[in-house]
């Protein structure tokens, strides 16, 4: 079965090593990480404007072990241990 192509909210635009962020009005700034994901049409228009490349993000479920590691790294304690 072919995977359905989603065009809403899964894209960001990269310019070199930075991510493009559309500001209010017509201005664009660059950030270390994608500020938020956008729909394909907006990402396409932004990439043409800034000469960047489009990246698509797909949801990926996090396994229990990795989830625990991320919780520890974020400083989130286990409620059962408190």
Protein backbone atom coordinates (compact mmCIF):
# COMPACT_ATOMS: atom_id res chain seq x y z
CA UNK A 1 0.00 0.00 0.00
CA UNK A 2 1.40 3.38 -0.99
CA UNK A 3 1.87 5.88 1.84
CA UNK A 4 -0.46 8.88 1.67
CA UNK A 5 1.43 12.10 1.00
CA UNK A 6 0.74 14.74 3.64
CA UNK A 7 1.29 18.37 2.63
CA UNK A 8 0.10 20.12 5.79
CA UNK A 9 2.52 21.03 8.55
CA UNK A 10 5.42 18.64 8.02
CA UNK A 11 8.00 20.88 6.33
CA UNK A 12 10.80 23.32 7.16
CA UNK A 13 13.30 25.22 4.99
CA UNK A 14 17.06 24.98 5.58
CA UNK A 15 19.52 27.61 4.37
CA UNK A 16 23.06 26.31 4.82
CA UNK A 17 23.21 25.11 8.43
CA UNK A 18 20.33 27.30 9.63
CA UNK A 19 16.54 27.06 9.43
CA UNK A 20 14.46 29.80 7.83
CA UNK A 21 11.73 31.35 9.95
CA UNK A 22 9.02 33.46 8.31
CA UNK A 23 8.46 36.63 10.31
CA UNK A 24 5.43 38.90 10.26
CA UNK A 25 5.20 40.79 7.01
CA UNK A 26 7.79 39.80 4.46
CA UNK A 27 10.92 39.37 6.57
CA UNK A 28 12.77 36.11 7.18
CA UNK A 29 15.21 35.24 9.96
CA UNK A 30 17.43 32.20 10.51
CA UNK A 31 17.47 29.98 13.61
CA UNK A 32 19.51 27.01 14.87
CA UNK A 33 16.43 24.76 14.90
CA UNK A 34 13.15 24.82 13.01
CA UNK A 35 10.87 27.19 14.92
CA UNK A 36 7.79 25.34 13.75
CA UNK A 37 6.79 23.19 10.83
CA UNK A 38 4.69 24.56 7.98
CA UNK A 39 2.60 23.29 5.11
CA UNK A 40 4.33 22.39 1.84
CA UNK A 41 2.99 25.38 -0.12
CA UNK A 42 4.38 27.86 2.41
CA UNK A 43 7.69 25.96 2.63
CA UNK A 44 7.96 25.92 -1.17
CA UNK A 45 7.35 29.66 -1.43
CA UNK A 46 9.83 30.36 1.39
CA UNK A 47 12.48 28.13 -0.22
CA UNK A 48 12.17 30.04 -3.50
CA UNK A 49 12.44 33.35 -1.63
CA UNK A 50 15.56 32.47 0.39
CA UNK A 51 17.18 29.87 -1.87
CA UNK A 52 16.87 27.15 0.78
CA UNK A 53 16.11 23.47 0.64
CA UNK A 54 12.89 21.90 1.92
CA UNK A 55 13.01 19.17 4.59
CA UNK A 56 10.05 16.92 5.35
CA UNK A 57 9.55 15.61 8.88
CA UNK A 58 7.68 12.38 9.53
CA UNK A 59 6.31 11.39 12.92
CA UNK A 60 8.34 8.63 14.52
CA UNK A 61 7.22 6.81 17.63
CA UNK A 62 9.77 6.84 20.43
CA UNK A 63 10.55 3.51 22.10
CA UNK A 64 10.36 3.13 25.88
CA UNK A 65 14.15 3.11 26.37
CA UNK A 66 14.68 6.25 24.29
CA UNK A 67 11.68 7.90 25.97
CA UNK A 68 13.25 7.27 29.39
CA UNK A 69 16.61 8.67 28.20
CA UNK A 70 14.92 11.81 26.86
CA UNK A 71 12.99 12.26 30.11
CA UNK A 72 16.22 12.02 32.11
CA UNK A 73 17.98 14.48 29.77
CA UNK A 74 15.08 16.92 30.14
CA UNK A 75 15.18 16.65 33.92
CA UNK A 76 11.78 14.99 34.17
CA UNK A 77 11.63 12.73 37.24
CA UNK A 78 9.76 9.47 37.48
CA UNK A 79 6.61 10.09 39.59
CA UNK A 80 6.79 6.56 41.02
CA UNK A 81 10.26 7.25 42.48
CA UNK A 82 9.27 10.55 44.16
